[in-house]
């Protein structure tokens, strides 16, 4: 639907045949953090303004042979998030989910750097105007929640199957409105080396649960 609303996107065969045939989904929620002990209510006259939090959660396409689709999906979600952020510019922002994209992918480069060039290899020479001829940018100012806090810089693994082991799930946030106070550690390598993949009796999914804790003003809220 987003592609159909954009004349530049809907006129290209690659958008119809590759992106629009995928059934992936993203959800965006804008939340107000209310102190239940406060005498003020959100609709009360002269009530204190409560801090807000915007959460974007996504499941991006899985197939590595469609890395162009992954990148276009990430760009389109960033555009929608920017619209929500524009209506609540002081809100905290967390973008998380199963990105099905490794840390060195175009998806993560775009999210972390705020830009991707039109000649990036993940476009795979497909045409997604204006992205594939002008590049794409966002001003979300995202930072990886696990970068720098984990030994080695990132989680050791977030998805483990007999045919794949890597970090493809991510939690990114906008510093400033949110202060990162901690993250849940990863699965130890000593445990992983005895397995052929997830799920197991201790790990009920092939994906590892991620958790980051942020401080919003004087409160702490897990996300």
N, C-alpha and C. Protein backbone atom coordinates (compact mmCIF):
# COMPACT_ATOMS: atom_id res chain seq x y z
N UNK A 1 0.83 -1.20 0.00
CA UNK A 1 0.00 0.00 0.00
C UNK A 1 0.86 1.26 0.00
N UNK A 2 1.94 1.22 0.78
CA UNK A 2 2.84 2.37 0.81
C UNK A 2 3.47 2.58 -0.56
N UNK A 3 3.85 1.48 -1.20
CA UNK A 3 4.47 1.59 -2.52
C UNK A 3 3.48 2.12 -3.55
N UNK A 4 2.24 1.67 -3.47
CA UNK A 4 1.23 2.12 -4.43
C UNK A 4 0.93 3.61 -4.28
N UNK A 5 1.16 4.15 -3.09
CA UNK A 5 0.91 5.57 -2.87
C UNK A 5 2.04 6.44 -3.38
N UNK A 6 3.13 5.82 -3.81
CA UNK A 6 4.29 6.57 -4.30
C UNK A 6 4.44 6.34 -5.80
N UNK A 7 4.16 7.33 -6.63
CA UNK A 7 4.26 7.15 -8.09
C UNK A 7 5.62 6.66 -8.53
N UNK A 8 6.68 7.14 -7.89
CA UNK A 8 8.02 6.75 -8.31
C UNK A 8 8.30 5.28 -8.04
N UNK A 9 7.68 4.72 -6.99
CA UNK A 9 7.91 3.32 -6.64
C UNK A 9 7.01 2.37 -7.42
N UNK A 10 5.77 2.76 -7.62
CA UNK A 10 4.80 1.82 -8.19
C UNK A 10 4.99 1.59 -9.68
N UNK A 11 5.82 2.37 -10.33
CA UNK A 11 5.99 2.21 -11.77
C UNK A 11 7.07 1.19 -12.13
N UNK A 12 7.73 0.61 -11.12
CA UNK A 12 8.85 -0.29 -11.42
C UNK A 12 8.46 -1.76 -11.21
N UNK A 13 8.87 -2.59 -12.13
CA UNK A 13 8.55 -4.02 -12.10
C UNK A 13 9.13 -4.69 -10.86
N UNK A 14 10.35 -4.28 -10.45
CA UNK A 14 10.99 -4.91 -9.30
C UNK A 14 10.18 -4.70 -8.02
N UNK A 15 9.56 -3.54 -7.88
CA UNK A 15 8.73 -3.28 -6.71
C UNK A 15 7.53 -4.23 -6.68
N UNK A 16 6.90 -4.43 -7.82
CA UNK A 16 5.73 -5.31 -7.89
C UNK A 16 6.13 -6.78 -7.70
N UNK A 17 7.20 -7.20 -8.37
CA UNK A 17 7.54 -8.62 -8.41
C UNK A 17 8.36 -9.10 -7.22
N UNK A 18 9.06 -8.20 -6.55
CA UNK A 18 9.94 -8.62 -5.47
C UNK A 18 9.46 -8.11 -4.10
N UNK A 19 9.24 -6.83 -3.96
CA UNK A 19 8.88 -6.27 -2.66
C UNK A 19 7.42 -6.55 -2.32
N UNK A 20 6.52 -6.26 -3.24
CA UNK A 20 5.09 -6.33 -2.92
C UNK A 20 4.55 -7.75 -2.81
N UNK A 21 5.31 -8.73 -3.24
CA UNK A 21 4.88 -10.12 -3.09
C UNK A 21 5.29 -10.71 -1.74
N UNK A 22 6.04 -9.97 -0.95
CA UNK A 22 6.42 -10.42 0.39
C UNK A 22 5.35 -9.99 1.38
N UNK A 23 5.10 -10.80 2.40
CA UNK A 23 4.01 -10.50 3.34
C UNK A 23 4.53 -10.11 4.73
N UNK A 24 5.67 -9.45 4.75
CA UNK A 24 6.23 -9.03 6.04
C UNK A 24 5.47 -7.85 6.62
N UNK A 25 5.68 -7.61 7.90
CA UNK A 25 4.86 -6.61 8.59
C UNK A 25 5.70 -5.85 9.61
N UNK A 26 5.28 -4.61 9.87
CA UNK A 26 5.86 -3.80 10.93
C UNK A 26 4.74 -3.15 11.72
N UNK A 27 4.99 -2.93 13.00
CA UNK A 27 4.02 -2.27 13.87
C UNK A 27 4.69 -1.07 14.52
N UNK A 28 3.98 0.03 14.63
CA UNK A 28 4.48 1.22 15.31
C UNK A 28 3.46 1.62 16.37
N UNK A 29 3.93 1.80 17.60
CA UNK A 29 3.06 2.23 18.70
C UNK A 29 3.65 3.47 19.35
N UNK A 30 2.81 4.44 19.61
CA UNK A 30 3.21 5.65 20.34
C UNK A 30 2.57 5.59 21.72
N UNK A 31 3.41 5.50 22.74
CA UNK A 31 2.94 5.25 24.10
C UNK A 31 3.22 6.46 25.00
N UNK A 32 2.35 6.67 25.96
CA UNK A 32 2.57 7.69 26.98
C UNK A 32 2.89 6.98 28.29
N UNK A 33 4.00 7.35 28.90
CA UNK A 33 4.46 6.71 30.13
C UNK A 33 3.82 7.43 31.31
N UNK A 34 2.83 6.81 31.92
CA UNK A 34 2.05 7.45 32.97
C UNK A 34 2.48 6.92 34.33
N UNK A 35 2.74 7.83 35.26
CA UNK A 35 3.04 7.45 36.64
C UNK A 35 1.71 7.18 37.34
N UNK A 36 1.45 5.94 37.70
CA UNK A 36 0.15 5.59 38.29
C UNK A 36 -0.03 6.21 39.67
N UNK A 37 1.06 6.67 40.28
CA UNK A 37 0.97 7.29 41.60
C UNK A 37 0.78 8.80 41.51
N UNK A 38 0.82 9.34 40.30
CA UNK A 38 0.67 10.78 40.14
C UNK A 38 -0.79 11.18 40.28
N UNK A 39 -1.09 12.32 40.95
CA UNK A 39 -2.48 12.78 41.06
C UNK A 39 -3.03 13.29 39.75
N UNK A 40 -2.14 13.59 38.79
CA UNK A 40 -2.59 14.10 37.50
C UNK A 40 -2.97 12.95 36.58
N UNK A 41 -3.93 13.15 35.75
CA UNK A 41 -4.29 12.20 34.71
C UNK A 41 -4.03 12.85 33.37
N UNK A 42 -3.84 12.07 32.30
CA UNK A 42 -3.47 12.67 31.01
C UNK A 42 -4.43 13.74 30.53
N UNK A 43 -5.73 13.65 30.87
CA UNK A 43 -6.71 14.60 30.37
C UNK A 43 -7.08 15.69 31.38
N UNK A 44 -6.42 15.67 32.54
CA UNK A 44 -6.75 16.65 33.56
C UNK A 44 -6.21 18.03 33.19
N UNK A 45 -6.92 19.11 33.57
CA UNK A 45 -6.40 20.46 33.30
C UNK A 45 -5.07 20.67 33.99
N UNK A 46 -4.13 21.30 33.27
CA UNK A 46 -2.81 21.62 33.80
C UNK A 46 -2.02 20.38 34.22
N UNK A 47 -2.39 19.25 33.71
CA UNK A 47 -1.64 18.03 34.04
C UNK A 47 -0.23 18.11 33.48
N UNK A 48 0.72 17.53 34.23
CA UNK A 48 2.09 17.49 33.73
C UNK A 48 2.16 16.64 32.48
N UNK A 49 2.98 17.06 31.54
CA UNK A 49 3.15 16.30 30.32
C UNK A 49 3.98 15.05 30.61
N UNK A 50 3.43 13.89 30.32
CA UNK A 50 4.15 12.65 30.56
C UNK A 50 5.08 12.36 29.38
N UNK A 51 6.23 11.75 29.65
CA UNK A 51 7.13 11.38 28.55
C UNK A 51 6.48 10.34 27.64
N UNK A 52 6.85 10.39 26.38
CA UNK A 52 6.29 9.47 25.39
C UNK A 52 7.38 8.57 24.83
N UNK A 53 6.96 7.43 24.34
CA UNK A 53 7.86 6.44 23.77
C UNK A 53 7.26 5.89 22.50
N UNK A 54 8.04 5.89 21.43
CA UNK A 54 7.62 5.32 20.15
C UNK A 54 8.37 4.01 19.93
N UNK A 55 7.63 2.95 19.71
CA UNK A 55 8.22 1.62 19.48
C UNK A 55 7.91 1.19 18.05
N UNK A 56 8.93 0.87 17.29
CA UNK A 56 8.76 0.28 15.97
C UNK A 56 9.27 -1.15 15.98
N UNK A 57 8.41 -2.09 15.72
CA UNK A 57 8.79 -3.51 15.74
C UNK A 57 8.56 -4.10 14.35
N UNK A 58 9.50 -4.92 13.88
CA UNK A 58 9.45 -5.33 12.48
C UNK A 58 9.90 -6.78 12.32
N UNK A 59 9.34 -7.42 11.31
CA UNK A 59 9.85 -8.71 10.82
C UNK A 59 10.15 -8.52 9.35
N UNK A 60 11.42 -8.43 9.02
CA UNK A 60 11.86 -8.21 7.65
C UNK A 60 12.05 -9.56 6.96
N UNK A 61 11.94 -9.55 5.64
CA UNK A 61 12.00 -10.79 4.86
C UNK A 61 13.28 -11.57 5.18
N UNK A 62 13.18 -12.89 5.13
CA UNK A 62 14.27 -13.75 5.62
C UNK A 62 15.29 -14.14 4.55
N UNK A 63 14.87 -14.30 3.31
CA UNK A 63 15.70 -14.94 2.29
C UNK A 63 16.91 -14.08 1.92
N UNK A 64 18.15 -14.57 2.12
CA UNK A 64 19.34 -13.77 1.78
C UNK A 64 19.46 -13.45 0.30
N UNK A 65 18.78 -14.18 -0.57
CA UNK A 65 18.83 -13.85 -2.00
C UNK A 65 17.93 -12.66 -2.33
N UNK A 66 17.19 -12.18 -1.34
CA UNK A 66 16.33 -11.00 -1.52
C UNK A 66 16.82 -9.86 -0.61
N UNK A 67 18.13 -9.66 -0.58
CA UNK A 67 18.64 -8.60 0.29
C UNK A 67 18.21 -7.21 -0.19
N UNK A 68 17.86 -7.08 -1.46
CA UNK A 68 17.31 -5.81 -1.94
C UNK A 68 15.95 -5.53 -1.30
N UNK A 69 15.15 -6.59 -1.15
CA UNK A 69 13.84 -6.44 -0.51
C UNK A 69 14.00 -6.05 0.95
N UNK A 70 14.95 -6.67 1.65
CA UNK A 70 15.21 -6.32 3.04
C UNK A 70 15.52 -4.83 3.16
N UNK A 71 16.38 -4.33 2.27
CA UNK A 71 16.81 -2.94 2.34
C UNK A 71 15.64 -1.99 2.05
N UNK A 72 14.85 -2.30 1.05
CA UNK A 72 13.71 -1.45 0.72
C UNK A 72 12.70 -1.46 1.87
N UNK A 73 12.45 -2.61 2.47
CA UNK A 73 11.54 -2.67 3.61
C UNK A 73 12.05 -1.81 4.77
N UNK A 74 13.36 -1.86 5.03
CA UNK A 74 13.94 -1.06 6.12
C UNK A 74 13.81 0.44 5.83
N UNK A 75 14.00 0.82 4.57
CA UNK A 75 13.89 2.24 4.19
C UNK A 75 12.44 2.72 4.35
N UNK A 76 11.50 1.92 3.89
CA UNK A 76 10.10 2.33 3.97
C UNK A 76 9.63 2.44 5.42
N UNK A 77 10.10 1.54 6.27
CA UNK A 77 9.74 1.64 7.69
C UNK A 77 10.35 2.89 8.31
N UNK A 78 11.58 3.22 7.95
CA UNK A 78 12.21 4.43 8.48
C UNK A 78 11.40 5.67 8.09
N UNK A 79 10.91 5.68 6.87
CA UNK A 79 10.09 6.82 6.42
C UNK A 79 8.82 6.95 7.24
N UNK A 80 8.18 5.82 7.55
CA UNK A 80 6.97 5.87 8.35
C UNK A 80 7.26 6.27 9.80
N UNK A 81 8.38 5.79 10.33
CA UNK A 81 8.76 6.17 11.69
C UNK A 81 9.03 7.67 11.78
N UNK A 82 9.65 8.23 10.76
CA UNK A 82 9.93 9.66 10.77
C UNK A 82 8.63 10.47 10.83
N UNK A 83 7.58 9.99 10.19
CA UNK A 83 6.30 10.69 10.24
C UNK A 83 5.73 10.69 11.66
N UNK A 84 5.86 9.56 12.35
CA UNK A 84 5.36 9.47 13.72
C UNK A 84 6.21 10.33 14.65
N UNK A 85 7.54 10.28 14.46
CA UNK A 85 8.45 11.07 15.29
C UNK A 85 8.20 12.56 15.11
N UNK A 86 7.85 12.98 13.90
CA UNK A 86 7.59 14.39 13.64
C UNK A 86 6.42 14.90 14.47
N UNK A 87 5.47 14.02 14.80
CA UNK A 87 4.32 14.42 15.61
C UNK A 87 4.63 14.39 17.10
N UNK A 88 5.74 13.76 17.48
CA UNK A 88 6.15 13.69 18.89
C UNK A 88 7.68 13.78 18.94
N UNK A 89 8.25 14.94 18.61
CA UNK A 89 9.70 15.05 18.45
C UNK A 89 10.50 14.82 19.72
N UNK A 90 9.88 14.95 20.89
CA UNK A 90 10.60 14.75 22.15
C UNK A 90 10.45 13.32 22.68
N UNK A 91 9.74 12.50 21.97
CA UNK A 91 9.51 11.13 22.44
C UNK A 91 10.76 10.29 22.31
N UNK A 92 10.91 9.31 23.19
CA UNK A 92 11.95 8.30 23.02
C UNK A 92 11.59 7.39 21.86
N UNK A 93 12.60 6.81 21.24
CA UNK A 93 12.37 5.96 20.07
C UNK A 93 13.17 4.68 20.19
N UNK A 94 12.47 3.55 20.03
CA UNK A 94 13.12 2.24 19.98
C UNK A 94 12.65 1.54 18.72
N UNK A 95 13.59 1.05 17.94
CA UNK A 95 13.26 0.28 16.73
C UNK A 95 13.88 -1.09 16.89
N UNK A 96 13.06 -2.11 16.92
CA UNK A 96 13.57 -3.44 17.25
C UNK A 96 12.85 -4.48 16.40
N UNK A 97 13.36 -5.72 16.48
CA UNK A 97 12.68 -6.79 15.79
C UNK A 97 13.62 -7.77 15.14
N UNK A 98 13.03 -8.63 14.33
CA UNK A 98 13.77 -9.62 13.55
C UNK A 98 14.05 -9.00 12.18
N UNK A 99 15.24 -8.44 12.03
CA UNK A 99 15.61 -7.77 10.79
C UNK A 99 16.13 -8.75 9.73
N UNK A 100 16.37 -10.02 10.15
CA UNK A 100 16.93 -11.01 9.24
C UNK A 100 18.12 -10.45 8.47
N UNK A 101 18.93 -9.63 9.16
CA UNK A 101 20.04 -8.94 8.52
C UNK A 101 21.23 -8.92 9.47
N UNK A 102 22.38 -9.30 8.94
CA UNK A 102 23.61 -9.33 9.73
C UNK A 102 24.13 -7.92 9.98
N UNK A 103 25.03 -7.74 10.96
CA UNK A 103 25.53 -6.40 11.28
C UNK A 103 26.22 -5.68 10.13
N UNK A 104 26.78 -6.42 9.16
CA UNK A 104 27.47 -5.78 8.04
C UNK A 104 26.56 -5.61 6.82
N UNK A 105 25.27 -5.83 6.97
CA UNK A 105 24.33 -5.74 5.85
C UNK A 105 24.00 -4.29 5.53
N UNK A 106 23.42 -4.09 4.36
CA UNK A 106 22.95 -2.76 3.98
C UNK A 106 21.87 -2.25 4.92
N UNK A 107 21.02 -3.15 5.40
CA UNK A 107 19.96 -2.76 6.33
C UNK A 107 20.54 -2.11 7.58
N UNK A 108 21.51 -2.78 8.21
CA UNK A 108 22.08 -2.24 9.43
C UNK A 108 22.96 -1.02 9.17
N UNK A 109 23.65 -0.99 8.04
CA UNK A 109 24.41 0.21 7.67
C UNK A 109 23.49 1.41 7.53
N UNK A 110 22.35 1.21 6.88
CA UNK A 110 21.40 2.29 6.69
C UNK A 110 20.85 2.77 8.03
N UNK A 111 20.46 1.83 8.89
CA UNK A 111 19.88 2.21 10.17
C UNK A 111 20.89 2.93 11.05
N UNK A 112 22.12 2.43 11.11
CA UNK A 112 23.13 3.00 12.01
C UNK A 112 23.72 4.30 11.48
N UNK A 113 23.92 4.39 10.17
CA UNK A 113 24.59 5.56 9.59
C UNK A 113 23.62 6.65 9.16
N UNK A 114 22.35 6.30 9.02
CA UNK A 114 21.36 7.29 8.59
C UNK A 114 21.32 7.51 7.10
N UNK A 115 22.06 6.70 6.33
CA UNK A 115 22.07 6.89 4.88
C UNK A 115 22.57 5.63 4.20
N UNK A 116 22.16 5.45 2.94
CA UNK A 116 22.65 4.36 2.09
C UNK A 116 22.78 4.91 0.68
N UNK A 117 23.88 4.58 0.01
CA UNK A 117 24.11 5.10 -1.33
C UNK A 117 23.33 4.36 -2.39
N UNK A 118 23.09 5.00 -3.54
CA UNK A 118 22.29 4.37 -4.60
C UNK A 118 22.99 3.18 -5.24
N UNK A 119 24.31 3.09 -5.10
CA UNK A 119 25.06 2.00 -5.71
C UNK A 119 25.39 0.89 -4.72
N UNK A 120 24.74 0.90 -3.57
CA UNK A 120 25.04 -0.15 -2.59
C UNK A 120 24.72 -1.52 -3.18
N UNK A 121 25.59 -2.47 -2.89
CA UNK A 121 25.46 -3.81 -3.48
C UNK A 121 24.16 -4.51 -3.11
N UNK A 122 23.54 -4.13 -2.00
CA UNK A 122 22.31 -4.81 -1.58
C UNK A 122 21.11 -4.43 -2.43
N UNK A 123 21.21 -3.38 -3.24
CA UNK A 123 20.15 -3.12 -4.21
C UNK A 123 20.19 -4.13 -5.36
N UNK A 124 21.33 -4.79 -5.50
CA UNK A 124 21.50 -5.88 -6.47
C UNK A 124 21.12 -5.44 -7.90
N UNK A 125 21.37 -4.19 -8.22
CA UNK A 125 21.11 -3.64 -9.57
C UNK A 125 19.62 -3.65 -9.92
N UNK A 126 18.75 -3.83 -8.93
CA UNK A 126 17.32 -3.69 -9.18
C UNK A 126 16.94 -2.22 -9.10
N UNK A 127 15.80 -1.88 -9.65
CA UNK A 127 15.36 -0.49 -9.72
C UNK A 127 14.27 -0.22 -8.70
N UNK A 128 14.60 0.65 -7.75
CA UNK A 128 13.63 1.09 -6.74
C UNK A 128 13.76 2.62 -6.62
N UNK A 129 13.31 3.28 -7.65
CA UNK A 129 13.41 4.74 -7.67
C UNK A 129 12.50 5.35 -6.58
N UNK A 130 12.99 6.30 -5.76
CA UNK A 130 14.26 7.02 -5.91
C UNK A 130 15.44 6.40 -5.16
N UNK A 131 15.21 5.31 -4.40
CA UNK A 131 16.27 4.77 -3.56
C UNK A 131 17.48 4.32 -4.36
N UNK A 132 17.25 3.60 -5.46
CA UNK A 132 18.36 3.02 -6.21
C UNK A 132 19.05 4.00 -7.14
N UNK A 133 18.53 5.22 -7.26
CA UNK A 133 19.24 6.21 -8.08
C UNK A 133 19.61 7.46 -7.30
N UNK A 134 19.04 7.64 -6.09
CA UNK A 134 19.41 8.78 -5.26
C UNK A 134 19.91 8.37 -3.88
N UNK A 135 19.73 7.10 -3.53
CA UNK A 135 20.04 6.67 -2.17
C UNK A 135 18.88 6.97 -1.24
N UNK A 136 19.09 6.73 0.04
CA UNK A 136 18.04 6.99 1.03
C UNK A 136 18.68 7.49 2.31
N UNK A 137 17.94 8.32 3.04
CA UNK A 137 18.42 8.89 4.30
C UNK A 137 17.30 8.86 5.34
N UNK A 138 17.71 8.89 6.59
CA UNK A 138 16.77 9.11 7.68
C UNK A 138 17.46 9.93 8.75
N UNK A 139 16.64 10.55 9.60
CA UNK A 139 17.16 11.40 10.68
C UNK A 139 16.74 10.87 12.05
N UNK A 140 16.65 9.55 12.16
CA UNK A 140 16.21 8.94 13.40
C UNK A 140 17.32 8.85 14.44
N UNK A 141 18.58 8.96 14.00
CA UNK A 141 19.72 8.97 14.92
C UNK A 141 19.72 7.74 15.82
N UNK A 142 19.79 6.57 15.20
CA UNK A 142 19.68 5.32 15.93
C UNK A 142 21.04 4.77 16.35
N UNK A 143 21.04 4.11 17.49
CA UNK A 143 22.24 3.48 18.02
C UNK A 143 21.90 2.06 18.44
N UNK A 144 22.80 1.12 18.18
CA UNK A 144 22.57 -0.28 18.57
C UNK A 144 22.70 -0.42 20.08
N UNK A 145 21.68 -0.94 20.72
CA UNK A 145 21.67 -1.04 22.18
C UNK A 145 22.76 -1.98 22.71
N UNK A 146 23.17 -2.95 21.91
CA UNK A 146 24.14 -3.93 22.39
C UNK A 146 25.58 -3.58 22.02
N UNK A 147 25.75 -2.60 21.16
CA UNK A 147 27.09 -2.24 20.71
C UNK A 147 27.84 -1.54 21.84
N UNK A 148 29.00 -2.06 22.19
CA UNK A 148 29.81 -1.44 23.22
C UNK A 148 29.53 -1.96 24.62
N UNK A 149 28.37 -2.57 24.84
CA UNK A 149 28.05 -3.10 26.17
C UNK A 149 28.36 -4.58 26.30
N UNK A 150 28.42 -5.26 25.16
CA UNK A 150 28.71 -6.69 25.18
C UNK A 150 30.18 -6.92 24.88
N UNK A 151 30.72 -8.00 25.41
CA UNK A 151 32.09 -8.39 25.08
C UNK A 151 32.18 -8.68 23.58
N UNK A 152 33.10 -8.01 22.91
CA UNK A 152 33.22 -8.15 21.47
C UNK A 152 32.33 -7.18 20.71
N UNK A 153 31.51 -6.38 21.42
CA UNK A 153 30.74 -5.32 20.78
C UNK A 153 29.31 -5.67 20.47
N UNK A 154 29.00 -6.97 20.24
CA UNK A 154 27.65 -7.36 19.88
C UNK A 154 27.32 -8.70 20.53
N UNK A 155 26.04 -9.06 20.49
CA UNK A 155 25.66 -10.39 20.95
C UNK A 155 26.36 -11.46 20.11
N UNK A 156 26.69 -12.61 20.69
CA UNK A 156 27.34 -13.66 19.91
C UNK A 156 26.42 -14.30 18.88
N UNK A 157 25.13 -14.37 19.19
CA UNK A 157 24.17 -15.01 18.27
C UNK A 157 22.76 -14.62 18.70
N UNK A 158 21.87 -14.45 17.73
CA UNK A 158 20.45 -14.26 18.05
C UNK A 158 19.58 -15.29 17.35
N UNK A 159 20.13 -15.98 16.36
CA UNK A 159 19.39 -17.02 15.63
C UNK A 159 20.34 -18.18 15.38
N UNK A 160 19.88 -19.39 15.76
CA UNK A 160 20.75 -20.55 15.69
C UNK A 160 19.94 -21.74 15.22
N UNK A 161 20.26 -22.23 14.02
CA UNK A 161 19.62 -23.41 13.45
C UNK A 161 20.73 -24.32 12.92
N UNK A 162 20.39 -25.55 12.53
CA UNK A 162 21.43 -26.42 11.96
C UNK A 162 22.12 -25.83 10.74
N UNK A 163 21.46 -24.90 10.03
CA UNK A 163 22.07 -24.33 8.83
C UNK A 163 22.54 -22.90 8.95
N UNK A 164 22.34 -22.27 10.13
CA UNK A 164 22.71 -20.86 10.26
C UNK A 164 22.95 -20.50 11.73
N UNK A 165 23.92 -19.61 11.95
CA UNK A 165 24.19 -19.09 13.28
C UNK A 165 24.69 -17.66 13.12
N UNK A 166 23.95 -16.69 13.63
CA UNK A 166 24.36 -15.31 13.46
C UNK A 166 23.48 -14.33 14.21
N UNK A 167 23.82 -13.05 14.11
CA UNK A 167 23.09 -11.97 14.76
C UNK A 167 22.21 -11.28 13.73
N UNK A 168 20.91 -11.54 13.79
CA UNK A 168 19.99 -10.96 12.81
C UNK A 168 18.83 -10.22 13.48
N UNK A 169 18.78 -10.25 14.81
CA UNK A 169 17.77 -9.52 15.58
C UNK A 169 18.47 -8.36 16.29
N UNK A 170 17.81 -7.22 16.34
CA UNK A 170 18.50 -6.02 16.84
C UNK A 170 17.54 -5.13 17.61
N UNK A 171 18.10 -4.39 18.56
CA UNK A 171 17.38 -3.33 19.28
C UNK A 171 18.16 -2.05 19.06
N UNK A 172 17.53 -1.08 18.41
CA UNK A 172 18.15 0.21 18.16
C UNK A 172 17.32 1.29 18.84
N UNK A 173 17.97 2.35 19.27
CA UNK A 173 17.25 3.40 19.99
C UNK A 173 17.86 4.76 19.68
N UNK A 174 17.09 5.79 20.00
CA UNK A 174 17.54 7.17 19.80
C UNK A 174 18.07 7.71 21.12
N UNK A 175 19.37 7.97 21.22
CA UNK A 175 19.92 8.52 22.46
C UNK A 175 19.37 9.93 22.70
N UNK A 176 19.40 10.34 23.96
CA UNK A 176 18.88 11.67 24.30
C UNK A 176 17.63 11.51 25.13
N UNK A 177 16.47 11.29 24.47
CA UNK A 177 15.26 11.04 25.26
C UNK A 177 15.37 9.76 26.10
N UNK A 178 16.16 8.81 25.63
CA UNK A 178 16.35 7.56 26.35
C UNK A 178 17.82 7.40 26.73
N UNK A 179 18.06 6.89 27.93
CA UNK A 179 19.40 6.54 28.36
C UNK A 179 19.45 5.04 28.58
N UNK A 180 20.32 4.36 27.87
CA UNK A 180 20.45 2.91 28.01
C UNK A 180 21.12 2.59 29.34
N UNK A 181 20.48 1.74 30.15
CA UNK A 181 21.02 1.39 31.46
C UNK A 181 21.50 -0.05 31.54
N UNK A 182 21.12 -0.90 30.58
CA UNK A 182 21.58 -2.28 30.64
C UNK A 182 20.95 -3.13 29.56
N UNK A 183 21.56 -4.27 29.29
CA UNK A 183 21.03 -5.23 28.33
C UNK A 183 21.15 -6.63 28.92
N UNK A 184 20.29 -7.51 28.44
CA UNK A 184 20.37 -8.92 28.83
C UNK A 184 21.48 -9.59 28.03
N UNK A 185 22.35 -10.31 28.71
CA UNK A 185 23.48 -10.95 28.05
C UNK A 185 23.06 -12.04 27.09
N UNK A 186 24.00 -12.43 26.23
CA UNK A 186 23.72 -13.42 25.21
C UNK A 186 23.90 -14.84 25.69
N UNK A 187 23.63 -15.79 24.79
CA UNK A 187 23.83 -17.22 25.08
C UNK A 187 25.33 -17.52 25.09
N UNK A 188 25.86 -18.13 26.15
CA UNK A 188 27.30 -18.41 26.22
C UNK A 188 27.76 -19.34 25.10
N UNK A 189 28.95 -19.09 24.59
CA UNK A 189 29.52 -19.94 23.53
C UNK A 189 29.68 -21.38 24.01
N UNK A 190 30.02 -21.57 25.28
CA UNK A 190 30.21 -22.92 25.80
C UNK A 190 28.93 -23.74 25.72
N UNK A 191 27.79 -23.06 25.83
CA UNK A 191 26.50 -23.75 25.70
C UNK A 191 26.20 -24.05 24.24
N UNK A 192 26.50 -23.08 23.37
CA UNK A 192 26.18 -23.24 21.95
C UNK A 192 26.96 -24.38 21.30
N UNK A 193 28.20 -24.57 21.71
CA UNK A 193 29.04 -25.56 21.02
C UNK A 193 28.58 -27.00 21.24
N UNK A 194 27.66 -27.21 22.16
CA UNK A 194 27.14 -28.56 22.41
C UNK A 194 25.83 -28.81 21.66
N UNK A 195 25.38 -27.83 20.86
CA UNK A 195 24.09 -27.92 20.19
C UNK A 195 24.25 -27.88 18.69
N UNK A 196 23.23 -28.33 18.00
CA UNK A 196 23.19 -28.19 16.54
C UNK A 196 22.24 -27.08 16.14
N UNK A 197 21.51 -26.53 17.11
CA UNK A 197 20.59 -25.45 16.81
C UNK A 197 19.48 -25.36 17.84
N UNK A 198 18.69 -24.29 17.73
CA UNK A 198 17.51 -24.10 18.56
C UNK A 198 16.27 -24.49 17.75
N UNK A 199 15.13 -24.77 18.39
CA UNK A 199 14.89 -24.73 19.84
C UNK A 199 15.43 -25.93 20.59
N UNK A 200 15.59 -25.75 21.91
CA UNK A 200 15.99 -26.82 22.82
C UNK A 200 15.06 -26.81 24.02
N UNK A 201 15.34 -27.69 24.99
CA UNK A 201 14.52 -27.72 26.19
C UNK A 201 14.66 -26.44 27.01
N UNK A 202 15.73 -25.69 26.79
CA UNK A 202 15.93 -24.44 27.52
C UNK A 202 15.61 -23.21 26.68
N UNK A 203 15.61 -23.36 25.38
CA UNK A 203 15.41 -22.23 24.46
C UNK A 203 14.26 -22.57 23.53
N UNK A 204 13.06 -22.01 23.76
CA UNK A 204 11.87 -22.47 23.06
C UNK A 204 11.70 -21.94 21.63
N UNK A 205 12.64 -21.13 21.15
CA UNK A 205 12.54 -20.58 19.80
C UNK A 205 13.90 -20.67 19.13
N UNK A 206 13.91 -20.59 17.79
CA UNK A 206 15.20 -20.54 17.11
C UNK A 206 15.82 -19.15 17.20
N UNK A 207 15.06 -18.18 17.73
CA UNK A 207 15.58 -16.84 17.99
C UNK A 207 15.75 -16.63 19.49
N UNK A 208 16.79 -15.90 19.87
CA UNK A 208 17.06 -15.58 21.26
C UNK A 208 16.27 -14.32 21.64
N UNK A 209 15.66 -14.32 22.81
CA UNK A 209 14.95 -13.14 23.30
C UNK A 209 15.95 -12.03 23.63
N UNK A 210 15.65 -10.82 23.17
CA UNK A 210 16.51 -9.67 23.45
C UNK A 210 15.81 -8.76 24.45
N UNK A 211 16.60 -8.14 25.31
CA UNK A 211 16.03 -7.20 26.28
C UNK A 211 17.00 -6.08 26.53
N UNK A 212 16.50 -4.85 26.50
CA UNK A 212 17.28 -3.67 26.85
C UNK A 212 16.48 -2.84 27.84
N UNK A 213 17.16 -2.22 28.78
CA UNK A 213 16.51 -1.37 29.77
C UNK A 213 16.95 0.08 29.56
N UNK A 214 15.97 0.98 29.58
CA UNK A 214 16.24 2.40 29.35
C UNK A 214 15.70 3.22 30.51
N UNK A 215 16.34 4.36 30.74
CA UNK A 215 15.84 5.32 31.70
C UNK A 215 15.16 6.45 30.96
N UNK A 216 13.93 6.76 31.36
CA UNK A 216 13.18 7.89 30.81
C UNK A 216 12.97 8.86 31.97
N UNK A 217 13.63 10.01 31.94
CA UNK A 217 13.63 10.95 33.05
C UNK A 217 14.06 10.22 34.32
N UNK A 218 13.21 10.18 35.35
CA UNK A 218 13.63 9.56 36.61
C UNK A 218 13.07 8.16 36.79
N UNK A 219 12.44 7.60 35.71
CA UNK A 219 11.88 6.25 35.79
C UNK A 219 12.69 5.30 34.93
N UNK A 220 12.55 4.02 35.19
CA UNK A 220 13.13 2.99 34.35
C UNK A 220 12.02 2.12 33.81
N UNK A 221 12.06 1.89 32.52
CA UNK A 221 11.07 1.05 31.87
C UNK A 221 11.78 0.03 31.00
N UNK A 222 11.57 -1.28 31.23
CA UNK A 222 12.14 -2.25 30.29
C UNK A 222 11.45 -2.16 28.94
N UNK A 223 12.22 -2.40 27.87
CA UNK A 223 11.65 -2.36 26.53
C UNK A 223 12.06 -3.59 25.77
